[in-house]
N, C-alpha and C. Protein backbone atom coordinates (compact mmCIF):
# COMPACT_ATOMS: atom_id res chain seq x y z
N UNK A 1 -59.09 -63.37 66.11
CA UNK A 1 -60.19 -62.85 66.92
C UNK A 1 -59.84 -61.44 67.43
N UNK A 2 -60.77 -60.55 67.34
CA UNK A 2 -60.61 -59.18 67.74
C UNK A 2 -61.04 -59.03 69.19
N UNK A 3 -60.18 -58.47 69.99
CA UNK A 3 -60.52 -58.23 71.41
C UNK A 3 -60.97 -56.79 71.55
N UNK A 4 -62.17 -56.62 72.08
CA UNK A 4 -62.75 -55.29 72.25
C UNK A 4 -62.65 -54.87 73.71
N UNK A 5 -62.06 -53.75 73.96
CA UNK A 5 -62.00 -53.20 75.30
C UNK A 5 -62.87 -51.94 75.31
N UNK A 6 -64.06 -52.08 75.86
CA UNK A 6 -64.99 -50.96 75.88
C UNK A 6 -64.69 -50.05 77.04
N UNK A 7 -64.92 -48.76 76.83
CA UNK A 7 -64.68 -47.77 77.87
C UNK A 7 -66.00 -47.04 78.14
N UNK A 8 -66.05 -46.32 79.23
CA UNK A 8 -67.25 -45.63 79.67
C UNK A 8 -67.63 -44.52 78.65
N UNK A 9 -68.89 -44.48 78.30
CA UNK A 9 -69.43 -43.45 77.40
C UNK A 9 -69.85 -42.23 78.21
N UNK A 10 -69.37 -41.07 77.83
CA UNK A 10 -69.71 -39.83 78.48
C UNK A 10 -70.67 -39.03 77.64
N UNK A 11 -71.26 -37.99 78.20
CA UNK A 11 -72.18 -37.13 77.44
C UNK A 11 -71.47 -36.52 76.24
N UNK A 12 -70.22 -36.11 76.43
CA UNK A 12 -69.51 -35.51 75.28
C UNK A 12 -69.30 -36.51 74.17
N UNK A 13 -69.25 -37.82 74.45
CA UNK A 13 -69.14 -38.81 73.37
C UNK A 13 -70.40 -38.81 72.54
N UNK A 14 -71.56 -38.67 73.18
CA UNK A 14 -72.82 -38.57 72.42
C UNK A 14 -72.83 -37.29 71.59
N UNK A 15 -72.33 -36.20 72.17
CA UNK A 15 -72.27 -34.91 71.46
C UNK A 15 -71.39 -34.99 70.20
N UNK A 16 -70.19 -35.60 70.34
CA UNK A 16 -69.30 -35.70 69.20
C UNK A 16 -69.83 -36.68 68.20
N UNK A 17 -70.47 -37.77 68.65
CA UNK A 17 -71.08 -38.73 67.74
C UNK A 17 -72.14 -38.03 66.91
N UNK A 18 -72.92 -37.17 67.54
CA UNK A 18 -74.00 -36.43 66.85
C UNK A 18 -73.36 -35.53 65.77
N UNK A 19 -72.22 -34.92 66.06
CA UNK A 19 -71.55 -34.08 65.05
C UNK A 19 -71.11 -34.94 63.84
N UNK A 20 -70.62 -36.12 64.13
CA UNK A 20 -70.25 -37.04 63.05
C UNK A 20 -71.48 -37.42 62.23
N UNK A 21 -72.57 -37.63 62.88
CA UNK A 21 -73.82 -37.97 62.20
C UNK A 21 -74.28 -36.84 61.27
N UNK A 22 -74.15 -35.60 61.74
CA UNK A 22 -74.47 -34.44 60.94
C UNK A 22 -73.60 -34.40 59.68
N UNK A 23 -72.29 -34.64 59.91
CA UNK A 23 -71.38 -34.67 58.75
C UNK A 23 -71.77 -35.76 57.74
N UNK A 24 -72.15 -36.93 58.26
CA UNK A 24 -72.55 -38.04 57.38
C UNK A 24 -73.70 -37.60 56.44
N UNK A 25 -74.54 -36.73 56.91
CA UNK A 25 -75.65 -36.23 56.09
C UNK A 25 -75.18 -35.45 54.86
N UNK A 26 -73.96 -34.99 54.87
CA UNK A 26 -73.40 -34.24 53.73
C UNK A 26 -72.84 -35.13 52.64
N UNK A 27 -72.62 -36.40 52.96
CA UNK A 27 -72.02 -37.31 51.97
C UNK A 27 -72.98 -37.49 50.81
N UNK A 28 -72.43 -37.67 49.60
CA UNK A 28 -73.22 -37.87 48.42
C UNK A 28 -73.19 -39.27 47.90
N UNK A 29 -72.77 -40.21 48.74
CA UNK A 29 -72.65 -41.61 48.35
C UNK A 29 -73.85 -42.36 48.91
N UNK A 30 -74.10 -43.56 48.39
CA UNK A 30 -75.23 -44.35 48.91
C UNK A 30 -75.07 -44.75 50.36
N UNK A 31 -73.82 -44.98 50.79
CA UNK A 31 -73.50 -45.21 52.18
C UNK A 31 -72.91 -43.94 52.72
N UNK A 32 -73.62 -43.28 53.66
CA UNK A 32 -73.14 -41.96 54.13
C UNK A 32 -72.51 -42.12 55.51
N UNK A 33 -71.27 -41.76 55.57
CA UNK A 33 -70.50 -41.92 56.80
C UNK A 33 -69.83 -40.57 57.12
N UNK A 34 -69.88 -40.23 58.43
CA UNK A 34 -69.20 -39.05 58.92
C UNK A 34 -68.25 -39.43 60.02
N UNK A 35 -67.22 -38.65 60.22
CA UNK A 35 -66.23 -38.92 61.24
C UNK A 35 -65.71 -37.62 61.81
N UNK A 36 -65.60 -37.56 63.11
CA UNK A 36 -64.93 -36.44 63.75
C UNK A 36 -63.87 -36.93 64.71
N UNK A 37 -62.88 -36.08 64.96
CA UNK A 37 -61.81 -36.39 65.90
C UNK A 37 -61.88 -35.31 66.99
N UNK A 38 -61.70 -35.74 68.21
CA UNK A 38 -61.72 -34.83 69.36
C UNK A 38 -60.62 -35.21 70.32
N UNK A 39 -60.22 -34.19 71.09
CA UNK A 39 -59.22 -34.40 72.13
C UNK A 39 -59.54 -33.45 73.28
N UNK A 40 -59.61 -33.98 74.51
CA UNK A 40 -59.90 -33.17 75.71
C UNK A 40 -61.15 -32.30 75.53
N UNK A 41 -62.18 -32.88 74.94
CA UNK A 41 -63.44 -32.19 74.78
C UNK A 41 -63.48 -31.15 73.68
N UNK A 42 -62.45 -31.10 72.88
CA UNK A 42 -62.41 -30.10 71.76
C UNK A 42 -62.38 -30.85 70.42
N UNK A 43 -63.17 -30.32 69.51
CA UNK A 43 -63.21 -30.87 68.15
C UNK A 43 -61.95 -30.50 67.41
N UNK A 44 -61.28 -31.51 66.85
CA UNK A 44 -60.05 -31.27 66.10
C UNK A 44 -60.29 -31.23 64.60
N UNK A 45 -61.10 -32.14 64.10
CA UNK A 45 -61.31 -32.26 62.65
C UNK A 45 -62.57 -33.08 62.43
N UNK A 46 -63.07 -32.99 61.19
CA UNK A 46 -64.22 -33.78 60.80
C UNK A 46 -64.35 -33.85 59.30
N UNK A 47 -64.90 -34.95 58.83
CA UNK A 47 -65.06 -35.16 57.39
C UNK A 47 -66.13 -36.23 57.13
N UNK A 48 -66.52 -36.34 55.89
CA UNK A 48 -67.47 -37.40 55.48
C UNK A 48 -66.82 -38.12 54.31
N UNK A 49 -67.43 -39.25 53.94
CA UNK A 49 -66.89 -39.99 52.82
C UNK A 49 -67.16 -39.26 51.52
N UNK A 50 -66.20 -39.28 50.64
CA UNK A 50 -66.30 -38.55 49.35
C UNK A 50 -66.14 -39.54 48.20
N UNK A 51 -66.77 -39.26 47.12
CA UNK A 51 -66.75 -40.14 45.93
C UNK A 51 -65.38 -40.15 45.31
N UNK A 52 -64.87 -41.34 45.05
CA UNK A 52 -63.56 -41.49 44.38
C UNK A 52 -63.76 -42.18 43.05
N UNK A 53 -64.54 -43.28 43.02
CA UNK A 53 -64.77 -44.04 41.82
C UNK A 53 -66.26 -44.43 41.73
N UNK A 54 -66.69 -44.84 40.58
CA UNK A 54 -68.07 -45.27 40.40
C UNK A 54 -68.31 -46.61 41.11
N UNK A 55 -69.23 -46.63 42.06
CA UNK A 55 -69.52 -47.85 42.83
C UNK A 55 -70.04 -48.97 41.99
N UNK A 56 -70.53 -48.67 40.79
CA UNK A 56 -71.05 -49.73 39.91
C UNK A 56 -69.92 -50.49 39.21
N UNK A 57 -68.73 -49.85 39.23
CA UNK A 57 -67.58 -50.43 38.51
C UNK A 57 -66.61 -51.10 39.49
N UNK A 58 -66.45 -50.52 40.69
CA UNK A 58 -65.50 -51.04 41.67
C UNK A 58 -66.21 -51.38 42.96
N UNK A 59 -65.54 -52.16 43.81
CA UNK A 59 -66.14 -52.53 45.09
C UNK A 59 -66.18 -51.29 45.99
N UNK A 60 -67.05 -51.36 47.02
CA UNK A 60 -67.26 -50.19 47.88
C UNK A 60 -65.98 -49.61 48.51
N UNK A 61 -65.05 -50.43 49.06
CA UNK A 61 -63.85 -49.81 49.63
C UNK A 61 -63.04 -48.93 48.68
N UNK A 62 -63.15 -49.21 47.37
CA UNK A 62 -62.43 -48.39 46.43
C UNK A 62 -63.32 -47.29 45.80
N UNK A 63 -64.62 -47.29 46.14
CA UNK A 63 -65.54 -46.31 45.56
C UNK A 63 -65.47 -44.96 46.22
N UNK A 64 -65.03 -44.92 47.46
CA UNK A 64 -64.96 -43.64 48.20
C UNK A 64 -63.65 -43.48 48.93
N UNK A 65 -63.36 -42.25 49.26
CA UNK A 65 -62.39 -41.97 50.28
C UNK A 65 -63.19 -42.03 51.59
N UNK A 66 -62.87 -42.93 52.46
CA UNK A 66 -63.67 -43.12 53.65
C UNK A 66 -63.56 -41.93 54.58
N UNK A 67 -64.60 -41.70 55.35
CA UNK A 67 -64.65 -40.58 56.27
C UNK A 67 -63.50 -40.60 57.26
N UNK A 68 -63.16 -41.81 57.74
CA UNK A 68 -62.05 -41.93 58.69
C UNK A 68 -60.74 -41.47 58.06
N UNK A 69 -60.50 -41.90 56.83
CA UNK A 69 -59.28 -41.51 56.10
C UNK A 69 -59.26 -40.00 55.95
N UNK A 70 -60.36 -39.42 55.48
CA UNK A 70 -60.44 -37.97 55.27
C UNK A 70 -60.21 -37.19 56.56
N UNK A 71 -60.73 -37.72 57.67
CA UNK A 71 -60.56 -37.03 58.97
C UNK A 71 -59.11 -37.15 59.47
N UNK A 72 -58.54 -38.33 59.41
CA UNK A 72 -57.16 -38.54 59.87
C UNK A 72 -56.20 -37.58 59.14
N UNK A 73 -56.47 -37.34 57.86
CA UNK A 73 -55.62 -36.43 57.09
C UNK A 73 -55.70 -34.98 57.54
N UNK A 74 -56.73 -34.63 58.32
CA UNK A 74 -56.93 -33.27 58.81
C UNK A 74 -56.37 -33.05 60.21
N UNK A 75 -56.02 -34.12 60.93
CA UNK A 75 -55.59 -34.01 62.31
C UNK A 75 -54.10 -33.69 62.37
N UNK A 76 -53.74 -32.70 63.18
CA UNK A 76 -52.29 -32.42 63.34
C UNK A 76 -51.58 -33.69 63.85
N UNK A 77 -50.43 -33.99 63.26
CA UNK A 77 -49.73 -35.26 63.55
C UNK A 77 -49.41 -35.42 65.04
N UNK A 78 -49.10 -34.31 65.70
CA UNK A 78 -48.75 -34.40 67.12
C UNK A 78 -49.92 -34.83 68.00
N UNK A 79 -51.15 -34.70 67.47
CA UNK A 79 -52.34 -35.04 68.28
C UNK A 79 -52.96 -36.40 67.91
N UNK A 80 -52.45 -37.06 66.89
CA UNK A 80 -53.02 -38.30 66.43
C UNK A 80 -53.18 -39.35 67.55
N UNK A 81 -52.14 -39.55 68.33
CA UNK A 81 -52.17 -40.59 69.33
C UNK A 81 -53.00 -40.22 70.55
N UNK A 82 -53.46 -38.96 70.62
CA UNK A 82 -54.22 -38.52 71.80
C UNK A 82 -55.69 -38.24 71.50
N UNK A 83 -56.12 -38.46 70.26
CA UNK A 83 -57.50 -38.13 69.95
C UNK A 83 -58.40 -39.38 69.91
N UNK A 84 -59.67 -39.09 69.91
CA UNK A 84 -60.68 -40.13 69.78
C UNK A 84 -61.43 -39.88 68.49
N UNK A 85 -61.70 -40.95 67.70
CA UNK A 85 -62.49 -40.82 66.49
C UNK A 85 -63.92 -41.23 66.77
N UNK A 86 -64.89 -40.48 66.21
CA UNK A 86 -66.31 -40.78 66.30
C UNK A 86 -66.80 -41.05 64.89
N UNK A 87 -67.36 -42.23 64.66
CA UNK A 87 -67.77 -42.63 63.32
C UNK A 87 -69.28 -42.86 63.33
N UNK A 88 -69.99 -42.20 62.40
CA UNK A 88 -71.44 -42.34 62.27
C UNK A 88 -71.80 -42.73 60.88
N UNK A 89 -72.80 -43.59 60.77
CA UNK A 89 -73.34 -44.01 59.49
C UNK A 89 -74.84 -43.84 59.54
N UNK A 90 -75.38 -43.24 58.52
CA UNK A 90 -76.85 -43.05 58.49
C UNK A 90 -77.40 -43.49 57.17
N UNK A 91 -78.70 -43.84 57.22
CA UNK A 91 -79.37 -44.23 56.00
C UNK A 91 -80.11 -43.02 55.40
N UNK A 92 -80.80 -43.19 54.30
CA UNK A 92 -81.45 -42.09 53.62
C UNK A 92 -82.52 -41.41 54.48
N UNK A 93 -83.04 -42.13 55.48
CA UNK A 93 -84.06 -41.55 56.36
C UNK A 93 -83.45 -40.89 57.62
N UNK A 94 -82.13 -40.88 57.72
CA UNK A 94 -81.46 -40.27 58.86
C UNK A 94 -81.39 -41.18 60.07
N UNK A 95 -81.60 -42.49 59.91
CA UNK A 95 -81.52 -43.41 61.02
C UNK A 95 -80.08 -43.88 61.27
N UNK A 96 -79.75 -44.09 62.51
CA UNK A 96 -78.43 -44.63 62.83
C UNK A 96 -78.28 -46.03 62.29
N UNK A 97 -77.12 -46.35 61.85
CA UNK A 97 -76.79 -47.69 61.36
C UNK A 97 -75.46 -48.09 62.01
N UNK A 98 -75.19 -49.40 62.08
CA UNK A 98 -73.91 -49.81 62.64
C UNK A 98 -72.79 -49.08 61.91
N UNK A 99 -71.81 -48.62 62.68
CA UNK A 99 -70.80 -47.74 62.09
C UNK A 99 -69.36 -48.13 62.49
N UNK A 100 -69.18 -49.41 62.79
CA UNK A 100 -67.81 -49.84 63.11
C UNK A 100 -66.96 -49.62 61.86
N UNK A 101 -65.79 -49.03 61.99
CA UNK A 101 -64.91 -48.81 60.85
C UNK A 101 -64.57 -50.11 60.14
N UNK A 102 -64.42 -50.07 58.83
CA UNK A 102 -64.07 -51.27 58.06
C UNK A 102 -62.64 -51.69 58.38
N UNK A 103 -62.23 -52.84 57.87
CA UNK A 103 -60.89 -53.36 58.17
C UNK A 103 -59.79 -52.46 57.63
N UNK A 104 -60.06 -51.79 56.49
CA UNK A 104 -59.09 -50.87 55.90
C UNK A 104 -58.87 -49.64 56.81
N UNK A 105 -59.99 -49.14 57.32
CA UNK A 105 -59.92 -47.97 58.18
C UNK A 105 -59.31 -48.30 59.52
N UNK A 106 -59.64 -49.48 60.06
CA UNK A 106 -59.02 -49.90 61.34
C UNK A 106 -57.52 -49.95 61.19
N UNK A 107 -57.05 -50.50 60.06
CA UNK A 107 -55.59 -50.55 59.84
C UNK A 107 -54.99 -49.13 59.78
N UNK A 108 -55.68 -48.23 59.10
CA UNK A 108 -55.18 -46.85 58.99
C UNK A 108 -55.24 -46.15 60.36
N UNK A 109 -56.26 -46.42 61.13
CA UNK A 109 -56.41 -45.82 62.46
C UNK A 109 -55.26 -46.31 63.35
N UNK A 110 -54.99 -47.59 63.33
CA UNK A 110 -53.88 -48.14 64.14
C UNK A 110 -52.54 -47.56 63.68
N UNK A 111 -52.34 -47.47 62.38
CA UNK A 111 -51.09 -46.96 61.84
C UNK A 111 -50.87 -45.50 62.24
N UNK A 112 -51.96 -44.74 62.32
CA UNK A 112 -51.87 -43.34 62.72
C UNK A 112 -51.60 -43.21 64.23
N UNK A 113 -51.84 -44.25 65.01
CA UNK A 113 -51.61 -44.20 66.43
C UNK A 113 -52.82 -43.82 67.26
N UNK A 114 -53.97 -43.74 66.61
CA UNK A 114 -55.21 -43.42 67.31
C UNK A 114 -55.64 -44.64 68.09
N UNK A 115 -56.06 -44.44 69.34
CA UNK A 115 -56.35 -45.57 70.22
C UNK A 115 -57.82 -45.76 70.58
N UNK A 116 -58.64 -44.72 70.36
CA UNK A 116 -60.06 -44.84 70.72
C UNK A 116 -60.96 -44.53 69.55
N UNK A 117 -62.02 -45.33 69.40
CA UNK A 117 -62.99 -45.13 68.35
C UNK A 117 -64.36 -45.32 68.96
N UNK A 118 -65.27 -44.39 68.66
CA UNK A 118 -66.64 -44.48 69.17
C UNK A 118 -67.54 -44.68 67.96
N UNK A 119 -68.47 -45.66 68.06
CA UNK A 119 -69.33 -46.03 66.94
C UNK A 119 -70.59 -46.70 67.49
N UNK A 120 -71.56 -46.92 66.61
CA UNK A 120 -72.79 -47.66 66.99
C UNK A 120 -72.66 -49.11 66.57
N UNK A 121 -73.07 -50.00 67.44
CA UNK A 121 -72.99 -51.44 67.15
C UNK A 121 -74.31 -51.87 66.46
N UNK A 122 -74.35 -53.17 66.08
CA UNK A 122 -75.54 -53.72 65.46
C UNK A 122 -76.70 -53.72 66.47
N UNK A 123 -76.43 -53.60 67.75
CA UNK A 123 -77.47 -53.58 68.77
C UNK A 123 -77.91 -52.13 69.05
N UNK A 124 -77.60 -51.20 68.15
CA UNK A 124 -77.95 -49.79 68.32
C UNK A 124 -77.42 -49.22 69.63
N UNK A 125 -76.24 -49.61 69.96
CA UNK A 125 -75.60 -49.13 71.19
C UNK A 125 -74.33 -48.41 70.87
N UNK A 126 -74.15 -47.22 71.47
CA UNK A 126 -72.95 -46.46 71.25
C UNK A 126 -71.85 -47.05 72.14
N UNK A 127 -70.71 -47.40 71.56
CA UNK A 127 -69.59 -47.93 72.31
C UNK A 127 -68.33 -47.17 72.02
N UNK A 128 -67.44 -47.16 73.02
CA UNK A 128 -66.12 -46.56 72.86
C UNK A 128 -65.15 -47.73 72.97
N UNK A 129 -64.44 -47.97 71.88
CA UNK A 129 -63.52 -49.10 71.84
C UNK A 129 -62.09 -48.63 71.89
N UNK A 130 -61.32 -49.26 72.73
CA UNK A 130 -59.88 -49.01 72.81
C UNK A 130 -59.20 -50.01 71.89
N UNK A 131 -58.50 -49.54 70.84
CA UNK A 131 -57.90 -50.46 69.89
C UNK A 131 -56.39 -50.41 69.94
């Protein structure tokens, strides 16, 4: 069972989430995901999911380099444990979709030492989770 520790959402969390959403719009995959990392109100890095393999041949986790993975690779190592990740997923019409990182990305986030992730839940609510 996963224990979720939610934290207070600030205006800057909405602002950074919106930046992740804009990045998601750049993805060329059927599932468009964007991710940004921030620390002390400053943007550190951002990326979207990129095509790695044909999704018709392999399962989704192997079809792309996930946005979280791409973003983590851009963050200076000394700041990994102090940053917050913002993950956004949008559909073809630009609507918000649930954007909790997948189990592979959660493992990579934990391994990197990142402790906070902001995403949209199935209830269309922005949450900040301490992991």
